[in-house]
Amino acid sequence: MALVPEVSGNEVNGLGEGRTRRARTVYWAVDPETIAHGQMQRFFYRADPDNAAVNRARANREKLLDEAVPSVSGTPVERTPADWLAALRAYAADNECDRVGACRFDPAWLYEGEDETWRTVVMIAVHHDYSEIAHAPDGRAGAEVIRQYGRAAFSAKRIAGWLRAQGWPAEPVTGPMTGKILLIPPAIEAGFGELGKHGSIIDPEFGSSFRLSAVLTDAPIEPTPKAEHGIDDFCMNCRICEDACPPEAIAPEKQQVRGETKWYVDFDKCLPFFNEHHGCAICIAECPWSRPGVGLNLAQKLARRRERG
C-alpha cells in the first residue's frame, strides 16, 4: 500500500466521466515508469518470488513472446471475406486457438495517444482449465492465467505470421501488457459474449474463464456476428462474484465510465488484493457461467424465457 500513487486508478479509467474519450493505460504498461501505478505493477512480480508454478509459467510465456513474426512477403492473396474467415478458422484451430472471430477496426478502441489505421481486428480466445483456475486466488490459478496468456500470444503470433506470409500486414496484440488497443470491446463486437458484472466477458461456452489476444490486419476478413444471450440481465440479478470478492470491488449496479454506462470494478479496491494473490481470479472462478457444462444450459434457459416473453 506504500506504493499507491496519489492519483486514483478510477480517475485514470474515467469513472464518473460523462464525455466519451479513449482509454488511458492504468496498469500493465510495457514501461511501468510511464504510468502512475507503475511501482505497484513492479511489485506484482515481487509478491511471491519463490512460487515454482508461477515462475515456470512465466518462463514458458517469455519464450513464446520472444518468438519472431516473419515479415510481410509477396503479393496479397485475394479471397472473398467469407473465404478469408473460413481459412482463418481452419488455421487457428491448429494453432492453440479455442475460438477466433473478426470485426471491423474502430479507432475508438485505441488507447489515448495511439494513431493506427487497420481494416480488421482478429480476436482470439483461449479457454482456462477450470480444474486449475478453480484454485483462485492460490498461485496454482495464477500460473494457469499465465499459461493461457502464453497460449493466446502464441496463437496471435502464428496468425499474424500466416497473414504476413500471404502478403497482408498484420500485427499481434498480446496480454497482459497493454498494447495499442483495448481487447474487450472488439471481442464483444466479434461475438465473444457480453460484459459481466465482474468486468470480464462472459460467453455461454467458456463463461468468463478465458484469455484474449488479437491481430490487427488489413486482410478483408468477414466479421463474425455480435451475440447476446441474456447475460447482462442475468448479472443484474446475480450477486455471486460480488459477494465472493474479498476487497468488495465489484459494484452492484452499472456506473458511468467515459460516457458509457457499464459494469465496472473499483480499481483502487481490487488492485492491492490482486497484486498479493497472483492476479486473484476469484470472480472468474466463482462465476456460475464459468463452471463446466453450466453456461450453455443457462443460455438455453434464458433463451426459452425470452421466447415466452
Protein backbone atom coordinates (compact mmCIF):
# COMPACT_ATOMS: atom_id res chain seq x y z
CA MET A 1 0.00 0.00 0.00
CA ALA A 2 3.02 2.27 0.41
CA LEU A 3 3.33 2.21 -3.38
CA VAL A 4 -0.19 3.53 -4.05
CA PRO A 5 0.11 6.81 -6.03
CA GLU A 6 -1.80 9.97 -5.25
CA VAL A 7 -3.99 9.64 -8.34
CA SER A 8 -6.90 7.19 -8.20
CA GLY A 9 -6.91 4.40 -10.75
CA ASN A 10 -10.64 5.00 -11.10
CA GLU A 11 -9.86 8.55 -12.19
CA VAL A 12 -7.41 7.29 -14.82
CA ASN A 13 -10.06 4.85 -16.05
CA GLY A 14 -12.64 7.63 -16.36
CA LEU A 15 -15.12 6.56 -13.66
CA GLY A 16 -17.90 9.14 -13.42
CA GLU A 17 -16.92 10.95 -16.62
CA GLY A 18 -19.86 11.91 -18.83
CA ARG A 19 -17.87 12.52 -22.01
CA THR A 20 -16.63 9.84 -24.38
CA ARG A 21 -12.85 9.60 -24.66
CA ARG A 22 -10.20 7.00 -25.35
CA ALA A 23 -8.89 4.82 -22.54
CA ARG A 24 -5.62 5.60 -20.76
CA THR A 25 -3.20 2.95 -19.58
CA VAL A 26 -3.77 2.38 -15.88
CA TYR A 27 -1.89 -0.91 -15.44
CA TRP A 28 0.19 -3.48 -17.36
CA ALA A 29 2.18 -0.80 -19.17
CA VAL A 30 5.04 -2.04 -21.32
CA ASP A 31 7.17 0.51 -19.46
CA PRO A 32 5.87 0.84 -15.87
CA GLU A 33 7.70 4.15 -15.47
CA THR A 34 5.19 5.78 -17.81
CA ILE A 35 2.14 5.24 -15.57
CA ALA A 36 1.13 6.39 -12.09
CA HIS A 37 0.70 2.82 -10.80
CA GLY A 38 4.00 1.64 -12.26
CA GLN A 39 5.62 0.84 -8.90
CA MET A 40 2.59 -1.25 -7.95
CA GLN A 41 2.92 -3.09 -11.25
CA ARG A 42 6.56 -3.86 -10.47
CA PHE A 43 5.53 -5.14 -7.02
CA PHE A 44 3.26 -7.72 -8.67
CA TYR A 45 6.35 -9.64 -9.80
CA ARG A 46 7.94 -9.47 -6.35
CA ALA A 47 4.91 -10.59 -4.34
CA ASP A 48 5.81 -14.31 -4.32
CA PRO A 49 9.21 -14.74 -5.98
CA ASP A 50 9.65 -18.37 -4.91
CA ASN A 51 6.41 -19.75 -6.36
CA ALA A 52 7.68 -22.52 -8.65
CA ALA A 53 4.47 -22.96 -10.68
CA VAL A 54 4.20 -19.24 -11.42
CA ASN A 55 7.88 -18.95 -12.30
CA ARG A 56 7.72 -21.90 -14.72
CA ALA A 57 4.67 -20.45 -16.42
CA ARG A 58 6.32 -17.04 -16.75
CA ALA A 59 9.49 -18.55 -18.22
CA ASN A 60 7.50 -20.50 -20.81
CA ARG A 61 5.43 -17.45 -21.72
CA GLU A 62 8.57 -15.36 -22.21
CA LYS A 63 9.85 -17.88 -24.75
CA LEU A 64 6.60 -17.53 -26.70
CA LEU A 65 6.70 -13.73 -26.51
CA ASP A 66 10.27 -13.71 -27.82
CA GLU A 67 9.30 -15.69 -30.93
CA ALA A 68 9.80 -13.55 -34.04
CA VAL A 69 6.99 -12.88 -36.51
CA PRO A 70 8.02 -13.13 -40.20
CA SER A 71 7.96 -10.07 -42.43
CA VAL A 72 5.22 -9.36 -44.96
CA SER A 73 6.09 -11.11 -48.21
CA GLY A 74 4.69 -11.49 -51.71
CA THR A 75 1.58 -10.17 -53.41
CA PRO A 76 -1.51 -10.07 -51.16
CA VAL A 77 -3.59 -13.21 -51.58
CA GLU A 78 -7.13 -12.44 -52.75
CA ARG A 79 -10.13 -14.22 -51.19
CA THR A 80 -13.72 -13.29 -50.58
CA PRO A 81 -14.35 -12.12 -46.99
CA ALA A 82 -16.25 -15.37 -46.28
CA ASP A 83 -13.39 -17.47 -47.64
CA TRP A 84 -10.92 -15.49 -45.54
CA LEU A 85 -12.93 -16.26 -42.42
CA ALA A 86 -13.09 -19.97 -43.27
CA ALA A 87 -9.35 -20.08 -43.91
CA LEU A 88 -8.66 -18.20 -40.68
CA ARG A 89 -10.77 -20.61 -38.65
CA ALA A 90 -9.05 -23.62 -40.18
CA TYR A 91 -5.59 -22.22 -39.49
CA ALA A 92 -6.44 -21.03 -35.96
CA ALA A 93 -7.78 -24.46 -34.97
CA ASP A 94 -4.31 -25.92 -35.48
CA ASN A 95 -2.51 -23.17 -33.55
CA GLU A 96 -3.65 -23.18 -29.92
CA CYS A 97 -6.76 -21.08 -30.59
CA ASP A 98 -10.00 -22.19 -28.92
CA ARG A 99 -12.08 -19.53 -30.67
CA VAL A 100 -11.44 -16.97 -33.37
CA GLY A 101 -13.58 -14.15 -34.70
CA ALA A 102 -13.26 -10.85 -36.52
CA CYS A 103 -14.74 -7.36 -36.60
CA ARG A 104 -14.17 -4.04 -38.31
CA PHE A 105 -11.44 -1.92 -36.73
CA ASP A 106 -12.73 1.04 -34.69
CA PRO A 107 -10.17 3.74 -33.78
CA ALA A 108 -12.18 4.48 -30.63
CA TRP A 109 -10.72 1.24 -29.19
CA LEU A 110 -7.17 2.59 -29.41
CA TYR A 111 -5.50 3.82 -26.25
CA GLU A 112 -5.00 7.55 -25.89
CA GLY A 113 -2.00 8.71 -27.91
CA GLU A 114 -2.11 5.84 -30.42
CA ASP A 115 -2.65 6.56 -34.10
CA GLU A 116 -3.34 3.42 -36.15
CA THR A 117 -5.44 2.60 -39.21
CA TRP A 118 -6.39 -1.02 -39.85
CA ARG A 119 -9.23 -2.74 -41.64
CA THR A 120 -9.87 -5.74 -39.38
CA VAL A 121 -9.37 -6.91 -35.82
CA VAL A 122 -8.98 -10.68 -35.48
CA MET A 123 -9.95 -11.76 -31.95
CA ILE A 124 -8.59 -14.90 -30.29
CA ALA A 125 -9.78 -16.70 -27.16
CA VAL A 126 -8.09 -19.49 -25.22
CA HIS A 127 -10.02 -21.39 -22.55
CA HIS A 128 -8.78 -21.90 -18.99
CA ASP A 129 -8.54 -25.35 -17.45
CA TYR A 130 -11.28 -24.99 -14.83
CA SER A 131 -9.64 -27.53 -12.52
CA GLU A 132 -6.71 -25.10 -12.27
CA ILE A 133 -8.48 -21.72 -12.23
CA ALA A 134 -10.83 -23.03 -9.53
CA HIS A 135 -7.92 -22.79 -7.06
CA ALA A 136 -8.02 -18.96 -7.19
CA PRO A 137 -6.52 -16.98 -5.53
CA ASP A 138 -3.79 -19.59 -4.98
CA GLY A 139 -0.66 -19.46 -7.13
CA ARG A 140 -1.86 -22.56 -8.96
CA ALA A 141 -4.60 -20.42 -10.54
CA GLY A 142 -2.14 -17.61 -11.17
CA ALA A 143 0.11 -20.00 -13.09
CA GLU A 144 -2.89 -21.12 -15.16
CA VAL A 145 -3.63 -17.49 -16.10
CA ILE A 146 -0.03 -17.01 -17.21
CA ARG A 147 -0.12 -20.25 -19.23
CA GLN A 148 -3.23 -19.13 -21.08
CA TYR A 149 -1.77 -15.69 -21.79
CA GLY A 150 1.13 -17.61 -23.33
CA ARG A 151 -1.19 -19.71 -25.49
CA ALA A 152 -3.05 -16.58 -26.59
CA ALA A 153 0.24 -14.88 -27.52
CA PHE A 154 1.39 -17.96 -29.43
CA SER A 155 -1.84 -18.05 -31.43
CA ALA A 156 -1.75 -14.30 -32.18
CA LYS A 157 1.83 -14.50 -33.41
CA ARG A 158 1.15 -17.53 -35.58
CA ILE A 159 -1.94 -15.95 -37.15
CA ALA A 160 -0.07 -12.69 -37.77
CA GLY A 161 2.74 -14.65 -39.43
CA TRP A 162 0.24 -16.60 -41.54
CA LEU A 163 -1.33 -13.36 -42.76
CA ARG A 164 2.05 -11.77 -43.47
CA ALA A 165 3.12 -14.83 -45.47
CA GLN A 166 0.07 -14.17 -47.68
CA GLY A 167 1.11 -10.59 -48.32
CA TRP A 168 -1.08 -8.83 -45.76
CA PRO A 169 0.19 -6.51 -43.00
CA ALA A 170 -0.65 -7.94 -39.57
CA GLU A 171 0.35 -7.08 -36.02
CA PRO A 172 -0.17 -9.37 -32.99
CA VAL A 173 -1.52 -7.83 -29.76
CA THR A 174 -0.85 -9.95 -26.69
CA GLY A 175 -1.65 -9.60 -22.99
CA PRO A 176 -1.44 -8.87 -20.22
CA MET A 177 0.79 -5.91 -21.12
CA THR A 178 -1.27 -3.11 -22.58
CA GLY A 179 -0.86 -2.89 -26.33
CA LYS A 180 -2.23 -0.31 -28.70
CA ILE A 181 -5.84 -1.36 -28.43
CA LEU A 182 -8.44 -2.46 -25.89
CA LEU A 183 -9.34 -6.14 -26.27
CA ILE A 184 -12.74 -6.46 -24.61
CA PRO A 185 -14.75 -4.10 -26.91
CA PRO A 186 -13.66 -5.78 -30.18
CA ALA A 187 -14.13 -9.22 -28.60
CA ILE A 188 -17.74 -8.32 -27.78
CA GLU A 189 -18.21 -6.92 -31.29
CA ALA A 190 -16.82 -10.18 -32.73
CA GLY A 191 -19.41 -12.25 -30.83
CA PHE A 192 -17.33 -13.48 -27.89
CA GLY A 193 -20.05 -12.70 -25.33
CA GLU A 194 -21.23 -9.86 -23.12
CA LEU A 195 -19.58 -7.80 -20.41
CA GLY A 196 -20.24 -9.28 -16.98
CA LYS A 197 -20.66 -7.63 -13.60
CA HIS A 198 -17.07 -8.61 -12.72
CA GLY A 199 -15.67 -6.61 -15.65
CA SER A 200 -14.78 -9.63 -17.81
CA ILE A 201 -16.57 -11.02 -20.86
CA ILE A 202 -19.00 -13.88 -20.26
CA ASP A 203 -19.58 -16.38 -23.05
CA PRO A 204 -22.02 -19.32 -22.75
CA GLU A 205 -19.41 -21.92 -23.69
CA PHE A 206 -16.36 -20.57 -21.82
CA GLY A 207 -18.07 -18.50 -19.15
CA SER A 208 -15.57 -15.81 -18.16
CA SER A 209 -12.77 -18.36 -17.88
CA PHE A 210 -10.70 -17.43 -20.92
CA ARG A 211 -7.99 -15.03 -22.10
CA LEU A 212 -7.82 -12.82 -25.17
CA SER A 213 -5.30 -11.75 -27.77
CA ALA A 214 -5.74 -10.08 -31.15
CA VAL A 215 -4.25 -9.44 -34.56
CA LEU A 216 -4.60 -6.12 -36.35
CA THR A 217 -4.63 -6.58 -40.13
CA ASP A 218 -5.78 -5.14 -43.44
CA ALA A 219 -6.96 -8.52 -44.74
CA PRO A 220 -10.69 -8.29 -45.64
CA ILE A 221 -11.95 -10.96 -43.25
CA GLU A 222 -15.71 -11.31 -42.85
CA PRO A 223 -16.88 -10.09 -39.43
CA THR A 224 -18.39 -12.63 -37.06
CA PRO A 225 -21.75 -11.50 -35.66
CA LYS A 226 -22.16 -9.86 -32.29
CA ALA A 227 -24.12 -12.09 -29.90
CA GLU A 228 -26.42 -11.57 -26.94
CA HIS A 229 -27.53 -14.36 -24.62
CA GLY A 230 -29.33 -12.55 -21.80
CA ILE A 231 -26.13 -12.45 -19.75
CA ASP A 232 -26.41 -8.75 -18.97
CA ASP A 233 -29.87 -9.21 -17.42
CA PHE A 234 -28.62 -12.29 -15.56
CA CYS A 235 -25.79 -10.28 -13.99
CA MET A 236 -28.22 -7.66 -12.75
CA ASN A 237 -29.91 -10.30 -10.60
CA CYS A 238 -26.81 -12.27 -9.59
CA ARG A 239 -24.50 -11.45 -6.68
CA ILE A 240 -22.14 -14.43 -6.72
CA CYS A 241 -19.00 -12.63 -7.91
CA GLU A 242 -19.96 -9.53 -5.96
CA ASP A 243 -20.22 -11.48 -2.69
CA ALA A 244 -17.11 -13.57 -3.41
CA CYS A 245 -14.80 -10.58 -3.96
CA PRO A 246 -12.64 -10.18 -0.79
CA PRO A 247 -11.94 -6.42 -1.24
CA GLU A 248 -15.59 -5.76 -2.24
CA ALA A 249 -14.51 -4.16 -5.51
CA ILE A 250 -17.45 -5.34 -7.65
CA ALA A 251 -20.30 -2.83 -7.73
CA PRO A 252 -23.95 -3.99 -7.57
CA GLU A 253 -25.01 -1.59 -10.31
CA LYS A 254 -23.64 -0.22 -13.56
CA GLN A 255 -21.70 3.04 -13.49
CA GLN A 256 -20.76 5.73 -15.95
CA VAL A 257 -17.27 5.31 -17.39
CA ARG A 258 -16.01 7.65 -20.12
CA GLY A 259 -19.53 8.44 -21.25
CA GLU A 260 -20.82 4.86 -21.20
CA THR A 261 -22.98 3.19 -18.55
CA LYS A 262 -21.43 -0.21 -17.90
CA TRP A 263 -20.32 -2.76 -15.33
CA TYR A 264 -17.18 -1.55 -13.59
CA VAL A 265 -14.81 -2.97 -10.97
CA ASP A 266 -13.34 -0.50 -8.48
CA PHE A 267 -9.68 -0.42 -9.50
CA ASP A 268 -8.39 1.03 -6.22
CA LYS A 269 -10.11 -1.65 -4.13
CA CYS A 270 -9.20 -4.52 -6.44
CA LEU A 271 -5.53 -3.85 -7.12
CA PRO A 272 -3.88 -4.40 -3.70
CA PHE A 273 -5.54 -7.83 -3.24
CA PHE A 274 -4.94 -8.64 -6.93
CA ASN A 275 -1.24 -7.85 -6.53
CA GLU A 276 -0.76 -10.01 -3.47
CA HIS A 277 -2.62 -13.05 -4.83
CA HIS A 278 -1.19 -13.86 -8.26
CA GLY A 279 -3.83 -11.84 -10.08
CA CYS A 280 -6.66 -13.19 -7.89
CA ALA A 281 -9.25 -14.55 -10.47
CA ILE A 282 -11.78 -15.40 -7.73
CA CYS A 283 -14.58 -13.65 -9.64
CA ILE A 284 -13.79 -15.66 -12.78
CA ALA A 285 -13.67 -18.96 -10.90
CA GLU A 286 -16.86 -18.29 -8.92
CA CYS A 287 -18.93 -17.01 -11.86
CA PRO A 288 -21.66 -19.65 -12.49
CA TRP A 289 -21.15 -19.29 -16.24
CA SER A 290 -17.54 -20.49 -15.88
CA ARG A 291 -18.42 -23.87 -14.39
CA PRO A 292 -18.08 -26.66 -16.97
CA GLY A 293 -21.40 -27.54 -18.60
CA VAL A 294 -23.35 -24.79 -16.82
CA GLY A 295 -23.12 -21.84 -19.23
CA LEU A 296 -24.73 -23.42 -22.27
CA ASN A 297 -27.62 -24.69 -20.16
CA LEU A 298 -28.08 -21.23 -18.66
CA ALA A 299 -28.10 -19.65 -22.12
CA GLN A 300 -30.74 -22.11 -23.33
CA LYS A 301 -32.87 -21.45 -20.27
CA LEU A 302 -32.64 -17.68 -20.76
CA ALA A 303 -33.47 -18.05 -24.48
CA ARG A 304 -36.62 -20.03 -23.65
CA ARG A 305 -37.62 -17.37 -21.14
CA ARG A 306 -37.18 -14.62 -23.77
CA GLU A 307 -39.30 -16.60 -26.25
CA ARG A 308 -42.13 -16.82 -23.71
CA GLY A 309 -41.98 -13.05 -23.41
